[in-house]
Amino acid sequence: MTVQAQDTHTTDSAFTQIALSAKEKPELRKLALSEVTEQWVLERIALNNRESDELRKLALLRVTDQSVFERISLEQPRRRR
């Protein structure tokens, strides 16, 4: 791995840790999430019902796997008409 690749990996890892940490301030998590490129991180946040709606929406904007949307729609309670 080149030095530049190592730096990028370390930075991605730090952003990932912050984005996934419920102990961090929401503003910091949003900033970190905007820098995350790993799909598994975005999917994990998008599928976590305990996350804030705003953070989940930010993650969903960048999710590329359609099955994530299917899983979310299946989790939603059906409305009675």
PDB file of N, CA and C in Angstrom:
ATOM      1  N   MET A   1       0.855  -1.174   0.000  1.00  0.00           N
ATOM      2  CA  MET A   1       0.000   0.000   0.000  1.00  0.00           C
ATOM      3  C   MET A   1       0.899   1.236   0.000  1.00  0.00           C
ATOM      4  N   THR A   2       0.581   2.185  -0.862  1.00  0.00           N
ATOM      5  CA  THR A   2       1.380   3.404  -0.919  1.00  0.00           C
ATOM      6  C   THR A   2       1.091   4.263   0.309  1.00  0.00           C
ATOM      7  N   VAL A   3       1.949   5.247   0.540  1.00  0.00           N
ATOM      8  CA  VAL A   3       1.751   6.153   1.677  1.00  0.00           C
ATOM      9  C   VAL A   3       0.435   6.903   1.521  1.00  0.00           C
ATOM     10  N   GLN A   4       0.143   7.351   0.304  1.00  0.00           N
ATOM     11  CA  GLN A   4      -1.100   8.069   0.070  1.00  0.00           C
ATOM     12  C   GLN A   4      -2.303   7.159   0.322  1.00  0.00           C
ATOM     13  N   ALA A   5      -2.232   5.926  -0.115  1.00  0.00           N
ATOM     14  CA  ALA A   5      -3.326   4.977   0.118  1.00  0.00           C
ATOM     15  C   ALA A   5      -3.497   4.704   1.604  1.00  0.00           C
ATOM     16  N   GLN A   6      -2.381   4.607   2.335  1.00  0.00           N
ATOM     17  CA  GLN A   6      -2.454   4.394   3.780  1.00  0.00           C
ATOM     18  C   GLN A   6      -3.107   5.589   4.467  1.00  0.00           C
ATOM     19  N   ASP A   7      -2.744   6.795   4.056  1.00  0.00           N
ATOM     20  CA  ASP A   7      -3.339   8.006   4.631  1.00  0.00           C
ATOM     21  C   ASP A   7      -4.841   8.058   4.370  1.00  0.00           C
ATOM     22  N   THR A   8      -5.226   7.729   3.151  1.00  0.00           N
ATOM     23  CA  THR A   8      -6.644   7.727   2.793  1.00  0.00           C
ATOM     24  C   THR A   8      -7.397   6.696   3.613  1.00  0.00           C
ATOM     25  N   HIS A   9      -6.811   5.507   3.773  1.00  0.00           N
ATOM     26  CA  HIS A   9      -7.452   4.450   4.551  1.00  0.00           C
ATOM     27  C   HIS A   9      -7.606   4.873   6.012  1.00  0.00           C
ATOM     28  N   THR A  10      -6.584   5.490   6.581  1.00  0.00           N
ATOM     29  CA  THR A  10      -6.642   5.945   7.967  1.00  0.00           C
ATOM     30  C   THR A  10      -7.712   7.015   8.136  1.00  0.00           C
ATOM     31  N   THR A  11      -7.785   7.939   7.198  1.00  0.00           N
ATOM     32  CA  THR A  11      -8.790   9.000   7.248  1.00  0.00           C
ATOM     33  C   THR A  11     -10.188   8.411   7.134  1.00  0.00           C
ATOM     34  N   ASP A  12     -10.385   7.491   6.174  1.00  0.00           N
ATOM     35  CA  ASP A  12     -11.681   6.833   6.017  1.00  0.00           C
ATOM     36  C   ASP A  12     -12.067   6.107   7.291  1.00  0.00           C
ATOM     37  N   SER A  13     -11.096   5.457   7.907  1.00  0.00           N
ATOM     38  CA  SER A  13     -11.356   4.710   9.130  1.00  0.00           C
ATOM     39  C   SER A  13     -11.783   5.641  10.265  1.00  0.00           C
ATOM     40  N   ALA A  14     -11.144   6.784  10.376  1.00  0.00           N
ATOM     41  CA  ALA A  14     -11.494   7.750  11.422  1.00  0.00           C
ATOM     42  C   ALA A  14     -12.898   8.297  11.180  1.00  0.00           C
ATOM     43  N   PHE A  15     -13.222   8.640   9.934  1.00  0.00           N
ATOM     44  CA  PHE A  15     -14.565   9.125   9.619  1.00  0.00           C
ATOM     45  C   PHE A  15     -15.609   8.044   9.889  1.00  0.00           C
ATOM     46  N   THR A  16     -15.268   6.811   9.567  1.00  0.00           N
ATOM     47  CA  THR A  16     -16.181   5.691   9.806  1.00  0.00           C
ATOM     48  C   THR A  16     -16.471   5.542  11.288  1.00  0.00           C
ATOM     49  N   GLN A  17     -15.433   5.577  12.097  1.00  0.00           N
ATOM     50  CA  GLN A  17     -15.605   5.425  13.547  1.00  0.00           C
ATOM     51  C   GLN A  17     -16.473   6.543  14.113  1.00  0.00           C
ATOM     52  N   ILE A  18     -16.251   7.761  13.684  1.00  0.00           N
ATOM     53  CA  ILE A  18     -17.035   8.894  14.180  1.00  0.00           C
ATOM     54  C   ILE A  18     -18.481   8.772  13.714  1.00  0.00           C
ATOM     55  N   ALA A  19     -18.686   8.450  12.450  1.00  0.00           N
ATOM     56  CA  ALA A  19     -20.040   8.350  11.907  1.00  0.00           C
ATOM     57  C   ALA A  19     -20.856   7.270  12.614  1.00  0.00           C
ATOM     58  N   LEU A  20     -20.203   6.190  13.015  1.00  0.00           N
ATOM     59  CA  LEU A  20     -20.913   5.083  13.658  1.00  0.00           C
ATOM     60  C   LEU A  20     -21.059   5.244  15.161  1.00  0.00           C
ATOM     61  N   SER A  21     -20.355   6.181  15.754  1.00  0.00           N
ATOM     62  CA  SER A  21     -20.354   6.328  17.206  1.00  0.00           C
ATOM     63  C   SER A  21     -21.544   7.150  17.697  1.00  0.00           C
ATOM     64  N   ALA A  22     -22.435   6.508  18.429  1.00  0.00           N
ATOM     65  CA  ALA A  22     -23.597   7.201  18.989  1.00  0.00           C
ATOM     66  C   ALA A  22     -23.188   8.169  20.100  1.00  0.00           C
ATOM     67  N   LYS A  23     -21.970   8.053  20.587  1.00  0.00           N
ATOM     68  CA  LYS A  23     -21.491   8.925  21.664  1.00  0.00           C
ATOM     69  C   LYS A  23     -21.040  10.293  21.152  1.00  0.00           C
ATOM     70  N   GLU A  24     -20.816  10.395  19.851  1.00  0.00           N
ATOM     71  CA  GLU A  24     -20.368  11.663  19.266  1.00  0.00           C
ATOM     72  C   GLU A  24     -21.549  12.622  19.089  1.00  0.00           C
ATOM     73  N   LYS A  25     -21.250  13.889  19.013  1.00  0.00           N
ATOM     74  CA  LYS A  25     -22.288  14.900  18.782  1.00  0.00           C
ATOM     75  C   LYS A  25     -22.880  14.699  17.392  1.00  0.00           C
ATOM     76  N   PRO A  26     -24.189  14.920  17.241  1.00  0.00           N
ATOM     77  CA  PRO A  26     -24.837  14.725  15.932  1.00  0.00           C
ATOM     78  C   PRO A  26     -24.194  15.531  14.805  1.00  0.00           C
ATOM     79  N   GLU A  27     -23.792  16.762  15.085  1.00  0.00           N
ATOM     80  CA  GLU A  27     -23.177  17.596  14.042  1.00  0.00           C
ATOM     81  C   GLU A  27     -21.871  16.984  13.544  1.00  0.00           C
ATOM     82  N   LEU A  28     -21.088  16.449  14.471  1.00  0.00           N
ATOM     83  CA  LEU A  28     -19.820  15.821  14.112  1.00  0.00           C
ATOM     84  C   LEU A  28     -20.061  14.543  13.324  1.00  0.00           C
ATOM     85  N   ARG A  29     -21.066  13.787  13.717  1.00  0.00           N
ATOM     86  CA  ARG A  29     -21.400  12.553  13.003  1.00  0.00           C
ATOM     87  C   ARG A  29     -21.846  12.858  11.571  1.00  0.00           C
ATOM     88  N   LYS A  30     -22.641  13.925  11.389  1.00  0.00           N
ATOM     89  CA  LYS A  30     -23.094  14.304  10.053  1.00  0.00           C
ATOM     90  C   LYS A  30     -21.908  14.686   9.174  1.00  0.00           C
ATOM     91  N   LEU A  31     -20.991  15.439   9.746  1.00  0.00           N
ATOM     92  CA  LEU A  31     -19.800  15.842   9.000  1.00  0.00           C
ATOM     93  C   LEU A  31     -18.981  14.611   8.602  1.00  0.00           C
ATOM     94  N   ALA A  32     -18.779  13.706   9.538  1.00  0.00           N
ATOM     95  CA  ALA A  32     -18.013  12.488   9.248  1.00  0.00           C
ATOM     96  C   ALA A  32     -18.736  11.646   8.198  1.00  0.00           C
ATOM     97  N   LEU A  33     -20.050  11.539   8.325  1.00  0.00           N
ATOM     98  CA  LEU A  33     -20.820  10.745   7.368  1.00  0.00           C
ATOM     99  C   LEU A  33     -20.697  11.297   5.955  1.00  0.00           C
ATOM    100  N   SER A  34     -20.593  12.603   5.828  1.00  0.00           N
ATOM    101  CA  SER A  34     -20.459  13.204   4.502  1.00  0.00           C
ATOM    102  C   SER A  34     -19.138  12.816   3.829  1.00  0.00           C
ATOM    103  N   GLU A  35     -18.172  12.360   4.610  1.00  0.00           N
ATOM    104  CA  GLU A  35     -16.868  11.965   4.065  1.00  0.00           C
ATOM    105  C   GLU A  35     -16.732  10.455   3.890  1.00  0.00           C
ATOM    106  N   VAL A  36     -17.652   9.686   4.445  1.00  0.00           N
ATOM    107  CA  VAL A  36     -17.579   8.229   4.370  1.00  0.00           C
ATOM    108  C   VAL A  36     -17.928   7.767   2.961  1.00  0.00           C
ATOM    109  N   THR A  37     -17.147   6.832   2.442  1.00  0.00           N
ATOM    110  CA  THR A  37     -17.398   6.299   1.107  1.00  0.00           C
ATOM    111  C   THR A  37     -17.774   4.822   1.137  1.00  0.00           C
ATOM    112  N   GLU A  38     -17.615   4.184   2.270  1.00  0.00           N
ATOM    113  CA  GLU A  38     -17.866   2.744   2.362  1.00  0.00           C
ATOM    114  C   GLU A  38     -19.368   2.482   2.461  1.00  0.00           C
ATOM    115  N   GLN A  39     -19.882   1.686   1.540  1.00  0.00           N
ATOM    116  CA  GLN A  39     -21.318   1.426   1.479  1.00  0.00           C
ATOM    117  C   GLN A  39     -21.839   0.718   2.731  1.00  0.00           C
ATOM    118  N   TRP A  40     -21.036  -0.166   3.315  1.00  0.00           N
ATOM    119  CA  TRP A  40     -21.535  -0.894   4.482  1.00  0.00           C
ATOM    120  C   TRP A  40     -21.826   0.056   5.639  1.00  0.00           C
ATOM    121  N   VAL A  41     -21.062   1.137   5.750  1.00  0.00           N
ATOM    122  CA  VAL A  41     -21.287   2.119   6.812  1.00  0.00           C
ATOM    123  C   VAL A  41     -22.592   2.867   6.549  1.00  0.00           C
ATOM    124  N   LEU A  42     -22.785   3.300   5.318  1.00  0.00           N
ATOM    125  CA  LEU A  42     -23.999   4.019   4.949  1.00  0.00           C
ATOM    126  C   LEU A  42     -25.231   3.135   5.156  1.00  0.00           C
ATOM    127  N   GLU A  43     -25.118   1.876   4.771  1.00  0.00           N
ATOM    128  CA  GLU A  43     -26.232   0.941   4.933  1.00  0.00           C
ATOM    129  C   GLU A  43     -26.546   0.708   6.404  1.00  0.00           C
ATOM    130  N   ARG A  44     -25.523   0.557   7.196  1.00  0.00           N
ATOM    131  CA  ARG A  44     -25.727   0.302   8.629  1.00  0.00           C
ATOM    132  C   ARG A  44     -26.469   1.471   9.300  1.00  0.00           C
ATOM    133  N   ILE A  45     -26.093   2.681   8.970  1.00  0.00           N
ATOM    134  CA  ILE A  45     -26.759   3.849   9.541  1.00  0.00           C
ATOM    135  C   ILE A  45     -28.185   3.967   9.002  1.00  0.00           C
ATOM    136  N   ALA A  46     -28.351   3.753   7.706  1.00  0.00           N
ATOM    137  CA  ALA A  46     -29.674   3.871   7.090  1.00  0.00           C
ATOM    138  C   ALA A  46     -30.663   2.862   7.656  1.00  0.00           C
ATOM    139  N   LEU A  47     -30.189   1.680   8.003  1.00  0.00           N
ATOM    140  CA  LEU A  47     -31.071   0.621   8.492  1.00  0.00           C
ATOM    141  C   LEU A  47     -31.277   0.644  10.003  1.00  0.00           C
ATOM    142  N   ASN A  48     -30.559   1.490  10.703  1.00  0.00           N
ATOM    143  CA  ASN A  48     -30.638   1.524  12.166  1.00  0.00           C
ATOM    144  C   ASN A  48     -31.785   2.444  12.609  1.00  0.00           C
ATOM    145  N   ASN A  49     -32.841   1.848  13.134  1.00  0.00           N
ATOM    146  CA  ASN A  49     -34.005   2.616  13.574  1.00  0.00           C
ATOM    147  C   ASN A  49     -33.706   3.547  14.743  1.00  0.00           C
ATOM    148  N   ARG A  50     -32.630   3.314  15.451  1.00  0.00           N
ATOM    149  CA  ARG A  50     -32.276   4.152  16.595  1.00  0.00           C
ATOM    150  C   ARG A  50     -31.567   5.439  16.199  1.00  0.00           C
ATOM    151  N   GLU A  51     -31.144   5.516  14.945  1.00  0.00           N
ATOM    152  CA  GLU A  51     -30.474   6.728  14.451  1.00  0.00           C
ATOM    153  C   GLU A  51     -31.506   7.834  14.246  1.00  0.00           C
ATOM    154  N   SER A  52     -31.043   9.060  14.266  1.00  0.00           N
ATOM    155  CA  SER A  52     -31.948  10.179  13.999  1.00  0.00           C
ATOM    156  C   SER A  52     -32.407  10.105  12.545  1.00  0.00           C
ATOM    157  N   ASP A  53     -33.588  10.634  12.297  1.00  0.00           N
ATOM    158  CA  ASP A  53     -34.121  10.636  10.936  1.00  0.00           C
ATOM    159  C   ASP A  53     -33.194  11.377   9.985  1.00  0.00           C
ATOM    160  N   GLU A  54     -32.622  12.463  10.458  1.00  0.00           N
ATOM    161  CA  GLU A  54     -31.742  13.272   9.611  1.00  0.00           C
ATOM    162  C   GLU A  54     -30.489  12.489   9.197  1.00  0.00           C
ATOM    163  N   LEU A  55     -29.891  11.787  10.139  1.00  0.00           N
ATOM    164  CA  LEU A  55     -28.696  11.010   9.833  1.00  0.00           C
ATOM    165  C   LEU A  55     -29.031   9.857   8.883  1.00  0.00           C
ATOM    166  N   ARG A  56     -30.174   9.220   9.117  1.00  0.00           N
ATOM    167  CA  ARG A  56     -30.595   8.130   8.227  1.00  0.00           C
ATOM    168  C   ARG A  56     -30.829   8.649   6.811  1.00  0.00           C
ATOM    169  N   LYS A  57     -31.439   9.816   6.684  1.00  0.00           N
ATOM    170  CA  LYS A  57     -31.690  10.392   5.362  1.00  0.00           C
ATOM    171  C   LYS A  57     -30.381  10.697   4.644  1.00  0.00           C
ATOM    172  N   LEU A  58     -29.423  11.243   5.376  1.00  0.00           N
ATOM    173  CA  LEU A  58     -28.117  11.534   4.768  1.00  0.00           C
ATOM    174  C   LEU A  58     -27.468  10.261   4.246  1.00  0.00           C
ATOM    175  N   ALA A  59     -27.571   9.205   5.016  1.00  0.00           N
ATOM    176  CA  ALA A  59     -26.997   7.929   4.594  1.00  0.00           C
ATOM    177  C   ALA A  59     -27.743   7.380   3.378  1.00  0.00           C
ATOM    178  N   LEU A  60     -29.067   7.466   3.410  1.00  0.00           N
ATOM    179  CA  LEU A  60     -29.875   6.941   2.295  1.00  0.00           C
ATOM    180  C   LEU A  60     -29.600   7.666   0.981  1.00  0.00           C
ATOM    181  N   LEU A  61     -29.259   8.929   1.061  1.00  0.00           N
ATOM    182  CA  LEU A  61     -28.956   9.678  -0.157  1.00  0.00           C
ATOM    183  C   LEU A  61     -27.773   9.096  -0.921  1.00  0.00           C
ATOM    184  N   ARG A  62     -26.910   8.376  -0.208  1.00  0.00           N
ATOM    185  CA  ARG A  62     -25.691   7.869  -0.838  1.00  0.00           C
ATOM    186  C   ARG A  62     -25.637   6.347  -0.946  1.00  0.00           C
ATOM    187  N   VAL A  63     -26.666   5.674  -0.476  1.00  0.00           N
ATOM    188  CA  VAL A  63     -26.715   4.219  -0.578  1.00  0.00           C
ATOM    189  C   VAL A  63     -26.986   3.839  -2.030  1.00  0.00           C
ATOM    190  N   THR A  64     -26.255   2.842  -2.525  1.00  0.00           N
ATOM    191  CA  THR A  64     -26.435   2.414  -3.909  1.00  0.00           C
ATOM    192  C   THR A  64     -27.136   1.064  -4.025  1.00  0.00           C
ATOM    193  N   ASP A  65     -27.236   0.324  -2.940  1.00  0.00           N
ATOM    194  CA  ASP A  65     -27.843  -1.006  -2.969  1.00  0.00           C
ATOM    195  C   ASP A  65     -29.362  -0.883  -2.782  1.00  0.00           C
ATOM    196  N   GLN A  66     -30.106  -1.256  -3.805  1.00  0.00           N
ATOM    197  CA  GLN A  66     -31.566  -1.142  -3.770  1.00  0.00           C
ATOM    198  C   GLN A  66     -32.198  -2.018  -2.692  1.00  0.00           C
ATOM    199  N   SER A  67     -31.523  -3.077  -2.291  1.00  0.00           N
ATOM    200  CA  SER A  67     -32.097  -3.960  -1.273  1.00  0.00           C
ATOM    201  C   SER A  67     -32.243  -3.243   0.074  1.00  0.00           C
ATOM    202  N   VAL A  68     -31.441  -2.217   0.308  1.00  0.00           N
ATOM    203  CA  VAL A  68     -31.562  -1.437   1.541  1.00  0.00           C
ATOM    204  C   VAL A  68     -32.916  -0.749   1.580  1.00  0.00           C
ATOM    205  N   PHE A  69     -33.329  -0.187   0.465  1.00  0.00           N
ATOM    206  CA  PHE A  69     -34.628   0.483   0.396  1.00  0.00           C
ATOM    207  C   PHE A  69     -35.767  -0.517   0.571  1.00  0.00           C
ATOM    208  N   GLU A  70     -35.598  -1.707   0.011  1.00  0.00           N
ATOM    209  CA  GLU A  70     -36.607  -2.749   0.166  1.00  0.00           C
ATOM    210  C   GLU A  70     -36.742  -3.159   1.630  1.00  0.00           C
ATOM    211  N   ARG A  71     -35.616  -3.307   2.301  1.00  0.00           N
ATOM    212  CA  ARG A  71     -35.653  -3.698   3.713  1.00  0.00           C
ATOM    213  C   ARG A  71     -36.323  -2.629   4.570  1.00  0.00           C
ATOM    214  N   ILE A  72     -36.053  -1.376   4.268  1.00  0.00           N
ATOM    215  CA  ILE A  72     -36.675  -0.281   5.022  1.00  0.00           C
ATOM    216  C   ILE A  72     -38.181  -0.272   4.783  1.00  0.00           C
ATOM    217  N   SER A  73     -38.585  -0.458   3.542  1.00  0.00           N
ATOM    218  CA  SER A  73     -40.026  -0.437   3.249  1.00  0.00           C
ATOM    219  C   SER A  73     -40.734  -1.605   3.910  1.00  0.00           C
ATOM    220  N   LEU A  74     -40.078  -2.733   4.068  1.00  0.00           N
ATOM    221  CA  LEU A  74     -40.686  -3.880   4.739  1.00  0.00           C
ATOM    222  C   LEU A  74     -40.792  -3.661   6.243  1.00  0.00           C
ATOM    223  N   GLU A  75     -39.898  -2.856   6.796  1.00  0.00           N
ATOM    224  CA  GLU A  75     -39.915  -2.582   8.231  1.00  0.00           C
ATOM    225  C   GLU A  75     -41.003  -1.591   8.618  1.00  0.00           C
ATOM    226  N   GLN A  76     -41.416  -0.749   7.687  1.00  0.00           N
ATOM    227  CA  GLN A  76     -42.403   0.280   7.989  1.00  0.00           C
ATOM    228  C   GLN A  76     -43.756  -0.366   8.250  1.00  0.00           C
ATOM    229  N   PRO A  77     -44.439   0.034   9.324  1.00  0.00           N
ATOM    230  CA  PRO A  77     -45.769  -0.514   9.566  1.00  0.00           C
ATOM    231  C   PRO A  77     -46.732  -0.070   8.470  1.00  0.00           C
ATOM    232  N   ARG A  78     -47.572  -0.950   8.092  1.00  0.00           N
ATOM    233  CA  ARG A  78     -48.538  -0.620   7.025  1.00  0.00           C
ATOM    234  C   ARG A  78     -49.643   0.251   7.593  1.00  0.00           C
ATOM    235  N   ARG A  79     -49.995   1.270   6.842  1.00  0.00           N
ATOM    236  CA  ARG A  79     -51.066   2.176   7.253  1.00  0.00           C
ATOM    237  C   ARG A  79     -52.407   1.606   6.845  1.00  0.00           C
ATOM    238  N   ARG A  80     -53.369   1.762   7.713  1.00  0.00           N
ATOM    239  CA  ARG A  80     -54.722   1.335   7.369  1.00  0.00           C
ATOM    240  C   ARG A  80     -55.424   2.469   6.647  1.00  0.00           C
ATOM    241  N   ARG A  81     -56.223   2.117   5.681  1.00  0.00           N
ATOM    242  CA  ARG A  81     -56.954   3.131   4.924  1.00  0.00           C
ATOM    243  C   ARG A  81     -58.343   3.266   5.427  1.00  0.00           C
TER     244      ARG A  81
END
